[in-house]
């Protein structure tokens, strides 16, 4: 299990333990993190699991694919650190990963 910190748009933090080898999106859905809708179920065909990866973590998560980059063109408020959390696979070396949920996806 790897601990991931989610921060909503109002600054409220939630710590979630996620199984190694699963996506950050799956962990967020299981924990009921608001704003992570994952309408496509992690199939890389929507942008409803758009998040911001903490800047100190960007180099530690796997690089973005061309398909993910293309889908993020449809995300509201895209930033340099935007990612689809269905594409971030949990590994022990990202223990403590910080994920911010965009205001556009909150309740």
PDB file of N, CA and C in Angstrom:
ATOM      1  N   UNK A   1       0.846  -1.184   0.000  1.00  0.00           N
ATOM      2  CA  UNK A   1       0.000   0.000   0.000  1.00  0.00           C
ATOM      3  C   UNK A   1       0.886   1.241   0.000  1.00  0.00           C
ATOM      4  N   UNK A   2       0.468   2.212  -0.779  1.00  0.00           N
ATOM      5  CA  UNK A   2       1.200   3.461  -0.912  1.00  0.00           C
ATOM      6  C   UNK A   2       0.260   4.597  -0.514  1.00  0.00           C
ATOM      7  N   UNK A   3       0.760   5.508   0.296  1.00  0.00           N
ATOM      8  CA  UNK A   3      -0.040   6.639   0.750  1.00  0.00           C
ATOM      9  C   UNK A   3       0.018   7.757  -0.289  1.00  0.00           C
ATOM     10  N   UNK A   4      -1.161   8.243  -0.709  1.00  0.00           N
ATOM     11  CA  UNK A   4      -1.289   9.347  -1.653  1.00  0.00           C
ATOM     12  C   UNK A   4      -2.148  10.409  -0.983  1.00  0.00           C
ATOM     13  N   UNK A   5      -1.715  11.667  -1.109  1.00  0.00           N
ATOM     14  CA  UNK A   5      -2.462  12.776  -0.526  1.00  0.00           C
ATOM     15  C   UNK A   5      -3.225  13.506  -1.625  1.00  0.00           C
ATOM     16  N   UNK A   6      -4.533  13.625  -1.458  1.00  0.00           N
ATOM     17  CA  UNK A   6      -5.388  14.373  -2.365  1.00  0.00           C
ATOM     18  C   UNK A   6      -5.758  15.682  -1.693  1.00  0.00           C
ATOM     19  N   UNK A   7      -5.711  16.769  -2.456  1.00  0.00           N
ATOM     20  CA  UNK A   7      -6.090  18.082  -1.951  1.00  0.00           C
ATOM     21  C   UNK A   7      -7.193  18.621  -2.846  1.00  0.00           C
ATOM     22  N   UNK A   8      -8.353  18.935  -2.245  1.00  0.00           N
ATOM     23  CA  UNK A   8      -9.435  19.476  -3.065  1.00  0.00           C
ATOM     24  C   UNK A   8      -9.235  20.974  -3.266  1.00  0.00           C
ATOM     25  N   UNK A   9     -10.092  21.584  -4.049  1.00  0.00           N
ATOM     26  CA  UNK A   9      -9.917  22.984  -4.432  1.00  0.00           C
ATOM     27  C   UNK A   9     -10.050  23.953  -3.259  1.00  0.00           C
ATOM     28  N   UNK A  10     -10.638  23.515  -2.163  1.00  0.00           N
ATOM     29  CA  UNK A  10     -10.732  24.378  -0.979  1.00  0.00           C
ATOM     30  C   UNK A  10      -9.595  24.119   0.002  1.00  0.00           C
ATOM     31  N   UNK A  11      -8.672  23.220  -0.358  1.00  0.00           N
ATOM     32  CA  UNK A  11      -7.510  22.960   0.481  1.00  0.00           C
ATOM     33  C   UNK A  11      -7.656  21.806   1.449  1.00  0.00           C
ATOM     34  N   UNK A  12      -8.790  21.124   1.426  1.00  0.00           N
ATOM     35  CA  UNK A  12      -9.005  19.991   2.320  1.00  0.00           C
ATOM     36  C   UNK A  12      -8.191  18.796   1.821  1.00  0.00           C
ATOM     37  N   UNK A  13      -7.431  18.203   2.724  1.00  0.00           N
ATOM     38  CA  UNK A  13      -6.565  17.080   2.379  1.00  0.00           C
ATOM     39  C   UNK A  13      -7.175  15.756   2.806  1.00  0.00           C
ATOM     40  N   UNK A  14      -6.983  14.743   1.980  1.00  0.00           N
ATOM     41  CA  UNK A  14      -7.396  13.369   2.293  1.00  0.00           C
ATOM     42  C   UNK A  14      -6.217  12.458   1.994  1.00  0.00           C
ATOM     43  N   UNK A  15      -5.866  11.612   2.940  1.00  0.00           N
ATOM     44  CA  UNK A  15      -4.786  10.645   2.740  1.00  0.00           C
ATOM     45  C   UNK A  15      -5.428   9.304   2.411  1.00  0.00           C
ATOM     46  N   UNK A  16      -4.967   8.704   1.314  1.00  0.00           N
ATOM     47  CA  UNK A  16      -5.556   7.450   0.844  1.00  0.00           C
ATOM     48  C   UNK A  16      -4.443   6.426   0.644  1.00  0.00           C
ATOM     49  N   UNK A  17      -4.633   5.231   1.168  1.00  0.00           N
ATOM     50  CA  UNK A  17      -3.707   4.127   0.909  1.00  0.00           C
ATOM     51  C   UNK A  17      -4.189   3.387  -0.329  1.00  0.00           C
ATOM     52  N   UNK A  18      -3.295   3.246  -1.302  1.00  0.00           N
ATOM     53  CA  UNK A  18      -3.651   2.632  -2.584  1.00  0.00           C
ATOM     54  C   UNK A  18      -2.719   1.458  -2.834  1.00  0.00           C
ATOM     55  N   UNK A  19      -3.272   0.358  -3.311  1.00  0.00           N
ATOM     56  CA  UNK A  19      -2.484  -0.834  -3.610  1.00  0.00           C
ATOM     57  C   UNK A  19      -1.454  -0.566  -4.686  1.00  0.00           C
ATOM     58  N   UNK A  20      -0.252  -1.063  -4.467  1.00  0.00           N
ATOM     59  CA  UNK A  20       0.818  -1.000  -5.450  1.00  0.00           C
ATOM     60  C   UNK A  20       0.332  -1.675  -6.740  1.00  0.00           C
ATOM     61  N   UNK A  21       0.610  -1.050  -7.889  1.00  0.00           N
ATOM     62  CA  UNK A  21       0.225  -1.627  -9.169  1.00  0.00           C
ATOM     63  C   UNK A  21      -1.131  -1.194  -9.687  1.00  0.00           C
ATOM     64  N   UNK A  22      -1.914  -0.478  -8.884  1.00  0.00           N
ATOM     65  CA  UNK A  22      -3.195   0.040  -9.356  1.00  0.00           C
ATOM     66  C   UNK A  22      -3.036   1.519  -9.682  1.00  0.00           C
ATOM     67  N   UNK A  23      -4.012   2.077 -10.335  1.00  0.00           N
ATOM     68  CA  UNK A  23      -3.916   3.492 -10.709  1.00  0.00           C
ATOM     69  C   UNK A  23      -4.356   4.383  -9.549  1.00  0.00           C
ATOM     70  N   UNK A  24      -3.859   5.596  -9.577  1.00  0.00           N
ATOM     71  CA  UNK A  24      -4.275   6.596  -8.594  1.00  0.00           C
ATOM     72  C   UNK A  24      -5.781   6.811  -8.707  1.00  0.00           C
ATOM     73  N   UNK A  25      -6.314   6.761  -9.919  1.00  0.00           N
ATOM     74  CA  UNK A  25      -7.755   6.918 -10.134  1.00  0.00           C
ATOM     75  C   UNK A  25      -8.554   5.839  -9.405  1.00  0.00           C
ATOM     76  N   UNK A  26      -8.106   4.586  -9.514  1.00  0.00           N
ATOM     77  CA  UNK A  26      -8.818   3.495  -8.836  1.00  0.00           C
ATOM     78  C   UNK A  26      -8.848   3.722  -7.323  1.00  0.00           C
ATOM     79  N   UNK A  27      -7.732   4.137  -6.781  1.00  0.00           N
ATOM     80  CA  UNK A  27      -7.676   4.420  -5.350  1.00  0.00           C
ATOM     81  C   UNK A  27      -8.585   5.564  -4.966  1.00  0.00           C
ATOM     82  N   UNK A  28      -8.634   6.599  -5.796  1.00  0.00           N
ATOM     83  CA  UNK A  28      -9.491   7.752  -5.523  1.00  0.00           C
ATOM     84  C   UNK A  28     -10.961   7.362  -5.557  1.00  0.00           C
ATOM     85  N   UNK A  29     -11.335   6.552  -6.543  1.00  0.00           N
ATOM     86  CA  UNK A  29     -12.734   6.102  -6.650  1.00  0.00           C
ATOM     87  C   UNK A  29     -13.115   5.271  -5.426  1.00  0.00           C
ATOM     88  N   UNK A  30     -12.263   4.336  -5.048  1.00  0.00           N
ATOM     89  CA  UNK A  30     -12.552   3.490  -3.881  1.00  0.00           C
ATOM     90  C   UNK A  30     -12.690   4.304  -2.599  1.00  0.00           C
ATOM     91  N   UNK A  31     -11.915   5.393  -2.507  1.00  0.00           N
ATOM     92  CA  UNK A  31     -11.940   6.231  -1.305  1.00  0.00           C
ATOM     93  C   UNK A  31     -13.012   7.319  -1.373  1.00  0.00           C
ATOM     94  N   UNK A  32     -13.697   7.439  -2.507  1.00  0.00           N
ATOM     95  CA  UNK A  32     -14.757   8.437  -2.639  1.00  0.00           C
ATOM     96  C   UNK A  32     -14.237   9.867  -2.742  1.00  0.00           C
ATOM     97  N   UNK A  33     -13.078  10.055  -3.371  1.00  0.00           N
ATOM     98  CA  UNK A  33     -12.525  11.397  -3.527  1.00  0.00           C
ATOM     99  C   UNK A  33     -13.403  12.196  -4.485  1.00  0.00           C
ATOM    100  N   UNK A  34     -13.926  13.308  -4.011  1.00  0.00           N
ATOM    101  CA  UNK A  34     -14.801  14.163  -4.809  1.00  0.00           C
ATOM    102  C   UNK A  34     -14.029  14.766  -5.971  1.00  0.00           C
ATOM    103  N   UNK A  35     -14.624  14.754  -7.143  1.00  0.00           N
ATOM    104  CA  UNK A  35     -14.027  15.358  -8.320  1.00  0.00           C
ATOM    105  C   UNK A  35     -13.306  14.382  -9.223  1.00  0.00           C
ATOM    106  N   UNK A  36     -13.120  13.159  -8.783  1.00  0.00           N
ATOM    107  CA  UNK A  36     -12.530  12.125  -9.624  1.00  0.00           C
ATOM    108  C   UNK A  36     -13.682  11.234 -10.079  1.00  0.00           C
ATOM    109  N   UNK A  37     -14.246  11.565 -11.238  1.00  0.00           N
ATOM    110  CA  UNK A  37     -15.429  10.852 -11.718  1.00  0.00           C
ATOM    111  C   UNK A  37     -15.083   9.596 -12.500  1.00  0.00           C
ATOM    112  N   UNK A  38     -14.030   9.653 -13.311  1.00  0.00           N
ATOM    113  CA  UNK A  38     -13.564   8.493 -14.070  1.00  0.00           C
ATOM    114  C   UNK A  38     -14.690   7.857 -14.881  1.00  0.00           C
ATOM    115  N   UNK A  39     -15.361   8.682 -15.655  1.00  0.00           N
ATOM    116  CA  UNK A  39     -16.503   8.212 -16.446  1.00  0.00           C
ATOM    117  C   UNK A  39     -16.163   7.053 -17.372  1.00  0.00           C
ATOM    118  N   UNK A  40     -14.930   6.998 -17.881  1.00  0.00           N
ATOM    119  CA  UNK A  40     -14.563   5.929 -18.819  1.00  0.00           C
ATOM    120  C   UNK A  40     -13.974   4.713 -18.101  1.00  0.00           C
ATOM    121  N   UNK A  41     -13.875   4.780 -16.790  1.00  0.00           N
ATOM    122  CA  UNK A  41     -13.360   3.647 -16.030  1.00  0.00           C
ATOM    123  C   UNK A  41     -11.865   3.423 -16.188  1.00  0.00           C
ATOM    124  N   UNK A  42     -11.150   4.451 -16.577  1.00  0.00           N
ATOM    125  CA  UNK A  42      -9.704   4.324 -16.710  1.00  0.00           C
ATOM    126  C   UNK A  42      -9.244   3.832 -18.067  1.00  0.00           C
ATOM    127  N   UNK A  43     -10.094   3.989 -19.071  1.00  0.00           N
ATOM    128  CA  UNK A  43      -9.773   3.496 -20.414  1.00  0.00           C
ATOM    129  C   UNK A  43      -9.108   4.550 -21.302  1.00  0.00           C
ATOM    130  N   UNK A  44      -8.721   5.676 -20.736  1.00  0.00           N
ATOM    131  CA  UNK A  44      -8.067   6.759 -21.469  1.00  0.00           C
ATOM    132  C   UNK A  44      -8.935   7.251 -22.622  1.00  0.00           C
ATOM    133  N   UNK A  45     -10.213   7.507 -22.295  1.00  0.00           N
ATOM    134  CA  UNK A  45     -11.102   8.023 -23.332  1.00  0.00           C
ATOM    135  C   UNK A  45     -11.944   9.202 -22.838  1.00  0.00           C
ATOM    136  N   UNK A  46     -11.597   9.773 -21.701  1.00  0.00           N
ATOM    137  CA  UNK A  46     -12.252  10.984 -21.212  1.00  0.00           C
ATOM    138  C   UNK A  46     -11.216  11.754 -20.389  1.00  0.00           C
ATOM    139  N   UNK A  47     -11.612  12.822 -19.804  1.00  0.00           N
ATOM    140  CA  UNK A  47     -10.679  13.585 -18.967  1.00  0.00           C
ATOM    141  C   UNK A  47     -11.301  13.883 -17.606  1.00  0.00           C
ATOM    142  N   UNK A  48     -12.154  12.981 -17.133  1.00  0.00           N
ATOM    143  CA  UNK A  48     -12.859  13.225 -15.870  1.00  0.00           C
ATOM    144  C   UNK A  48     -12.070  12.758 -14.646  1.00  0.00           C
ATOM    145  N   UNK A  49     -10.815  12.409 -14.853  1.00  0.00           N
ATOM    146  CA  UNK A  49      -9.932  12.112 -13.717  1.00  0.00           C
ATOM    147  C   UNK A  49      -8.710  13.038 -13.779  1.00  0.00           C
ATOM    148  N   UNK A  50      -8.928  14.217 -14.371  1.00  0.00           N
ATOM    149  CA  UNK A  50      -7.881  15.240 -14.487  1.00  0.00           C
ATOM    150  C   UNK A  50      -7.462  15.701 -13.092  1.00  0.00           C
ATOM    151  N   UNK A  51      -6.162  15.756 -12.876  1.00  0.00           N
ATOM    152  CA  UNK A  51      -5.599  16.217 -11.603  1.00  0.00           C
ATOM    153  C   UNK A  51      -4.335  17.023 -11.881  1.00  0.00           C
ATOM    154  N   UNK A  52      -3.848  17.660 -10.828  1.00  0.00           N
ATOM    155  CA  UNK A  52      -2.552  18.319 -10.867  1.00  0.00           C
ATOM    156  C   UNK A  52      -1.611  17.532  -9.968  1.00  0.00           C
ATOM    157  N   UNK A  53      -0.483  17.131 -10.520  1.00  0.00           N
ATOM    158  CA  UNK A  53       0.526  16.405  -9.744  1.00  0.00           C
ATOM    159  C   UNK A  53       1.412  17.447  -9.075  1.00  0.00           C
ATOM    160  N   UNK A  54       1.640  17.269  -7.768  1.00  0.00           N
ATOM    161  CA  UNK A  54       2.524  18.183  -7.062  1.00  0.00           C
ATOM    162  C   UNK A  54       3.840  18.331  -7.809  1.00  0.00           C
ATOM    163  N   UNK A  55       4.312  19.559  -7.956  1.00  0.00           N
ATOM    164  CA  UNK A  55       5.484  19.822  -8.784  1.00  0.00           C
ATOM    165  C   UNK A  55       6.698  18.983  -8.390  1.00  0.00           C
ATOM    166  N   UNK A  56       6.859  18.724  -7.109  1.00  0.00           N
ATOM    167  CA  UNK A  56       7.998  17.920  -6.654  1.00  0.00           C
ATOM    168  C   UNK A  56       7.877  16.458  -7.053  1.00  0.00           C
ATOM    169  N   UNK A  57       6.714  16.056  -7.555  1.00  0.00           N
ATOM    170  CA  UNK A  57       6.454  14.663  -7.930  1.00  0.00           C
ATOM    171  C   UNK A  57       6.447  14.437  -9.430  1.00  0.00           C
ATOM    172  N   UNK A  58       6.420  15.485 -10.219  1.00  0.00           N
ATOM    173  CA  UNK A  58       6.288  15.339 -11.674  1.00  0.00           C
ATOM    174  C   UNK A  58       7.333  14.411 -12.285  1.00  0.00           C
ATOM    175  N   UNK A  59       8.571  14.513 -11.859  1.00  0.00           N
ATOM    176  CA  UNK A  59       9.640  13.686 -12.427  1.00  0.00           C
ATOM    177  C   UNK A  59       9.626  12.259 -11.884  1.00  0.00           C
ATOM    178  N   UNK A  60       8.853  12.019 -10.826  1.00  0.00           N
ATOM    179  CA  UNK A  60       8.840  10.697 -10.200  1.00  0.00           C
ATOM    180  C   UNK A  60       7.746   9.788 -10.738  1.00  0.00           C
ATOM    181  N   UNK A  61       6.709  10.371 -11.348  1.00  0.00           N
ATOM    182  CA  UNK A  61       5.661   9.535 -11.953  1.00  0.00           C
ATOM    183  C   UNK A  61       6.059   9.252 -13.403  1.00  0.00           C
ATOM    184  N   UNK A  62       5.497   8.208 -13.959  1.00  0.00           N
ATOM    185  CA  UNK A  62       5.818   7.837 -15.346  1.00  0.00           C
ATOM    186  C   UNK A  62       5.466   8.989 -16.284  1.00  0.00           C
ATOM    187  N   UNK A  63       6.226   9.159 -17.356  1.00  0.00           N
ATOM    188  CA  UNK A  63       5.945  10.246 -18.298  1.00  0.00           C
ATOM    189  C   UNK A  63       4.575  10.105 -18.962  1.00  0.00           C
ATOM    190  N   UNK A  64       4.055  11.222 -19.394  1.00  0.00           N
ATOM    191  CA  UNK A  64       2.767  11.269 -20.062  1.00  0.00           C
ATOM    192  C   UNK A  64       2.892  10.713 -21.492  1.00  0.00           C
ATOM    193  N   UNK A  65       1.912   9.911 -21.886  1.00  0.00           N
ATOM    194  CA  UNK A  65       1.882   9.395 -23.260  1.00  0.00           C
ATOM    195  C   UNK A  65       1.278  10.441 -24.193  1.00  0.00           C
ATOM    196  N   UNK A  66       1.451  10.248 -25.480  1.00  0.00           N
ATOM    197  CA  UNK A  66       0.847  11.152 -26.465  1.00  0.00           C
ATOM    198  C   UNK A  66      -0.676  11.128 -26.376  1.00  0.00           C
ATOM    199  N   UNK A  67      -1.257   9.953 -26.130  1.00  0.00           N
ATOM    200  CA  UNK A  67      -2.716   9.847 -26.015  1.00  0.00           C
ATOM    201  C   UNK A  67      -3.236  10.620 -24.806  1.00  0.00           C
ATOM    202  N   UNK A  68      -2.523  10.514 -23.690  1.00  0.00           N
ATOM    203  CA  UNK A  68      -2.937  11.259 -22.499  1.00  0.00           C
ATOM    204  C   UNK A  68      -2.836  12.762 -22.761  1.00  0.00           C
ATOM    205  N   UNK A  69      -1.753  13.183 -23.378  1.00  0.00           N
ATOM    206  CA  UNK A  69      -1.554  14.592 -23.699  1.00  0.00           C
ATOM    207  C   UNK A  69      -2.691  15.107 -24.586  1.00  0.00           C
ATOM    208  N   UNK A  70      -3.086  14.305 -25.567  1.00  0.00           N
ATOM    209  CA  UNK A  70      -4.172  14.697 -26.468  1.00  0.00           C
ATOM    210  C   UNK A  70      -5.499  14.834 -25.719  1.00  0.00           C
ATOM    211  N   UNK A  71      -5.784  13.916 -24.819  1.00  0.00           N
ATOM    212  CA  UNK A  71      -7.035  13.996 -24.052  1.00  0.00           C
ATOM    213  C   UNK A  71      -7.043  15.187 -23.114  1.00  0.00           C
ATOM    214  N   UNK A  72      -5.907  15.527 -22.570  1.00  0.00           N
ATOM    215  CA  UNK A  72      -5.839  16.670 -21.659  1.00  0.00           C
ATOM    216  C   UNK A  72      -6.144  17.989 -22.366  1.00  0.00           C
ATOM    217  N   UNK A  73      -6.107  17.992 -23.689  1.00  0.00           N
ATOM    218  CA  UNK A  73      -6.496  19.195 -24.426  1.00  0.00           C
ATOM    219  C   UNK A  73      -7.960  19.548 -24.151  1.00  0.00           C
ATOM    220  N   UNK A  74      -8.760  18.566 -23.734  1.00  0.00           N
ATOM    221  CA  UNK A  74     -10.176  18.788 -23.442  1.00  0.00           C
ATOM    222  C   UNK A  74     -10.441  19.109 -21.977  1.00  0.00           C
ATOM    223  N   UNK A  75      -9.413  19.058 -21.154  1.00  0.00           N
ATOM    224  CA  UNK A  75      -9.572  19.321 -19.719  1.00  0.00           C
ATOM    225  C   UNK A  75      -9.681  20.823 -19.468  1.00  0.00           C
ATOM    226  N   UNK A  76     -10.533  21.174 -18.538  1.00  0.00           N
ATOM    227  CA  UNK A  76     -10.678  22.576 -18.135  1.00  0.00           C
ATOM    228  C   UNK A  76      -9.501  22.930 -17.222  1.00  0.00           C
ATOM    229  N   UNK A  77      -8.950  24.110 -17.418  1.00  0.00           N
ATOM    230  CA  UNK A  77      -7.854  24.618 -16.576  1.00  0.00           C
ATOM    231  C   UNK A  77      -6.617  23.729 -16.610  1.00  0.00           C
ATOM    232  N   UNK A  78      -6.251  23.269 -17.789  1.00  0.00           N
ATOM    233  CA  UNK A  78      -5.029  22.471 -17.907  1.00  0.00           C
ATOM    234  C   UNK A  78      -3.817  23.308 -17.505  1.00  0.00           C
ATOM    235  N   UNK A  79      -2.892  22.658 -16.807  1.00  0.00           N
ATOM    236  CA  UNK A  79      -1.634  23.292 -16.388  1.00  0.00           C
ATOM    237  C   UNK A  79      -0.474  22.401 -16.834  1.00  0.00           C
ATOM    238  N   UNK A  80       0.730  22.904 -16.634  1.00  0.00           N
ATOM    239  CA  UNK A  80       1.930  22.132 -16.982  1.00  0.00           C
ATOM    240  C   UNK A  80       1.997  20.827 -16.203  1.00  0.00           C
ATOM    241  N   UNK A  81       1.444  20.797 -14.995  1.00  0.00           N
ATOM    242  CA  UNK A  81       1.488  19.599 -14.157  1.00  0.00           C
ATOM    243  C   UNK A  81       0.178  18.804 -14.197  1.00  0.00           C
ATOM    244  N   UNK A  82      -0.645  19.034 -15.213  1.00  0.00           N
ATOM    245  CA  UNK A  82      -1.889  18.278 -15.367  1.00  0.00           C
ATOM    246  C   UNK A  82      -1.592  16.850 -15.791  1.00  0.00           C
ATOM    247  N   UNK A  83      -2.370  15.945 -15.245  1.00  0.00           N
ATOM    248  CA  UNK A  83      -2.291  14.526 -15.622  1.00  0.00           C
ATOM    249  C   UNK A  83      -3.690  13.927 -15.505  1.00  0.00           C
ATOM    250  N   UNK A  84      -3.863  12.767 -16.129  1.00  0.00           N
ATOM    251  CA  UNK A  84      -5.055  11.952 -15.907  1.00  0.00           C
ATOM    252  C   UNK A  84      -4.631  10.899 -14.897  1.00  0.00           C
ATOM    253  N   UNK A  85      -5.294  10.863 -13.757  1.00  0.00           N
ATOM    254  CA  UNK A  85      -4.801   9.967 -12.704  1.00  0.00           C
ATOM    255  C   UNK A  85      -5.044   8.494 -13.010  1.00  0.00           C
ATOM    256  N   UNK A  86      -5.809   8.191 -14.058  1.00  0.00           N
ATOM    257  CA  UNK A  86      -5.933   6.794 -14.487  1.00  0.00           C
ATOM    258  C   UNK A  86      -4.627   6.302 -15.095  1.00  0.00           C
ATOM    259  N   UNK A  87      -3.757   7.231 -15.470  1.00  0.00           N
ATOM    260  CA  UNK A  87      -2.500   6.873 -16.123  1.00  0.00           C
ATOM    261  C   UNK A  87      -1.311   6.891 -15.163  1.00  0.00           C
ATOM    262  N   UNK A  88      -1.559   7.179 -13.903  1.00  0.00           N
ATOM    263  CA  UNK A  88      -0.492   7.173 -12.899  1.00  0.00           C
ATOM    264  C   UNK A  88      -0.623   5.890 -12.092  1.00  0.00           C
ATOM    265  N   UNK A  89       0.322   4.995 -12.286  1.00  0.00           N
ATOM    266  CA  UNK A  89       0.299   3.705 -11.596  1.00  0.00           C
ATOM    267  C   UNK A  89       1.103   3.828 -10.297  1.00  0.00           C
ATOM    268  N   UNK A  90       0.509   3.346  -9.238  1.00  0.00           N
ATOM    269  CA  UNK A  90       1.118   3.435  -7.909  1.00  0.00           C
ATOM    270  C   UNK A  90       2.274   2.444  -7.801  1.00  0.00           C
ATOM    271  N   UNK A  91       3.395   2.977  -7.311  1.00  0.00           N
ATOM    272  CA  UNK A  91       4.601   2.188  -7.043  1.00  0.00           C
ATOM    273  C   UNK A  91       5.135   2.623  -5.681  1.00  0.00           C
ATOM    274  N   UNK A  92       5.894   1.778  -5.015  1.00  0.00           N
ATOM    275  CA  UNK A  92       6.420   2.157  -3.697  1.00  0.00           C
ATOM    276  C   UNK A  92       7.238   3.444  -3.702  1.00  0.00           C
ATOM    277  N   UNK A  93       7.911   3.756  -4.798  1.00  0.00           N
ATOM    278  CA  UNK A  93       8.762   4.948  -4.820  1.00  0.00           C
ATOM    279  C   UNK A  93       7.991   6.261  -4.960  1.00  0.00           C
ATOM    280  N   UNK A  94       6.658   6.201  -5.057  1.00  0.00           N
ATOM    281  CA  UNK A  94       5.885   7.442  -5.057  1.00  0.00           C
ATOM    282  C   UNK A  94       5.068   7.585  -3.771  1.00  0.00           C
ATOM    283  N   UNK A  95       5.504   6.916  -2.736  1.00  0.00           N
ATOM    284  CA  UNK A  95       4.889   7.066  -1.397  1.00  0.00           C
ATOM    285  C   UNK A  95       4.852   8.546  -1.044  1.00  0.00           C
ATOM    286  N   UNK A  96       3.668   9.043  -0.684  1.00  0.00           N
ATOM    287  CA  UNK A  96       3.513  10.442  -0.318  1.00  0.00           C
ATOM    288  C   UNK A  96       3.129  11.358  -1.472  1.00  0.00           C
ATOM    289  N   UNK A  97       2.884  10.784  -2.647  1.00  0.00           N
ATOM    290  CA  UNK A  97       2.492  11.555  -3.827  1.00  0.00           C
ATOM    291  C   UNK A  97       1.388  12.544  -3.467  1.00  0.00           C
ATOM    292  N   UNK A  98       1.512  13.771  -3.986  1.00  0.00           N
ATOM    293  CA  UNK A  98       0.518  14.814  -3.730  1.00  0.00           C
ATOM    294  C   UNK A  98      -0.242  15.088  -5.021  1.00  0.00           C
ATOM    295  N   UNK A  99      -1.573  14.987  -4.934  1.00  0.00           N
ATOM    296  CA  UNK A  99      -2.477  15.181  -6.064  1.00  0.00           C
ATOM    297  C   UNK A  99      -3.483  16.266  -5.695  1.00  0.00           C
ATOM    298  N   UNK A 100      -3.616  17.266  -6.562  1.00  0.00           N
ATOM    299  CA  UNK A 100      -4.591  18.310  -6.356  1.00  0.00           C
ATOM    300  C   UNK A 100      -5.738  18.119  -7.349  1.00  0.00           C
ATOM    301  N   UNK A 101      -6.957  18.164  -6.866  1.00  0.00           N
ATOM    302  CA  UNK A 101      -8.135  18.026  -7.721  1.00  0.00           C
ATOM    303  C   UNK A 101      -8.550  19.420  -8.183  1.00  0.00           C
ATOM    304  N   UNK A 102      -8.663  19.649  -9.493  1.00  0.00           N
ATOM    305  CA  UNK A 102      -9.035  20.977 -10.000  1.00  0.00           C
ATOM    306  C   UNK A 102     -10.401  21.429  -9.505  1.00  0.00           C
ATOM    307  N   UNK A 103     -10.540  22.716  -9.300  1.00  0.00           N
ATOM    308  CA  UNK A 103     -11.826  23.287  -8.855  1.00  0.00           C
ATOM    309  C   UNK A 103     -12.944  22.970  -9.831  1.00  0.00           C
ATOM    310  N   UNK A 104     -12.613  22.885 -11.110  1.00  0.00           N
ATOM    311  CA  UNK A 104     -13.627  22.609 -12.138  1.00  0.00           C
ATOM    312  C   UNK A 104     -14.243  21.229 -11.992  1.00  0.00           C
ATOM    313  N   UNK A 105     -13.613  20.338 -11.221  1.00  0.00           N
ATOM    314  CA  UNK A 105     -14.123  18.989 -11.055  1.00  0.00           C
ATOM    315  C   UNK A 105     -14.715  18.734  -9.670  1.00  0.00           C
ATOM    316  N   UNK A 106     -14.663  19.703  -8.788  1.00  0.00           N
ATOM    317  CA  UNK A 106     -15.201  19.523  -7.440  1.00  0.00           C
ATOM    318  C   UNK A 106     -16.704  19.595  -7.431  1.00  0.00           C
ATOM    319  N   UNK A 107     -17.268  19.378  -6.256  1.00  0.00           N
ATOM    320  CA  UNK A 107     -18.733  19.391  -6.150  1.00  0.00           C
ATOM    321  C   UNK A 107     -19.306  20.784  -6.132  1.00  0.00           C
TER     322      UNK A 107
END
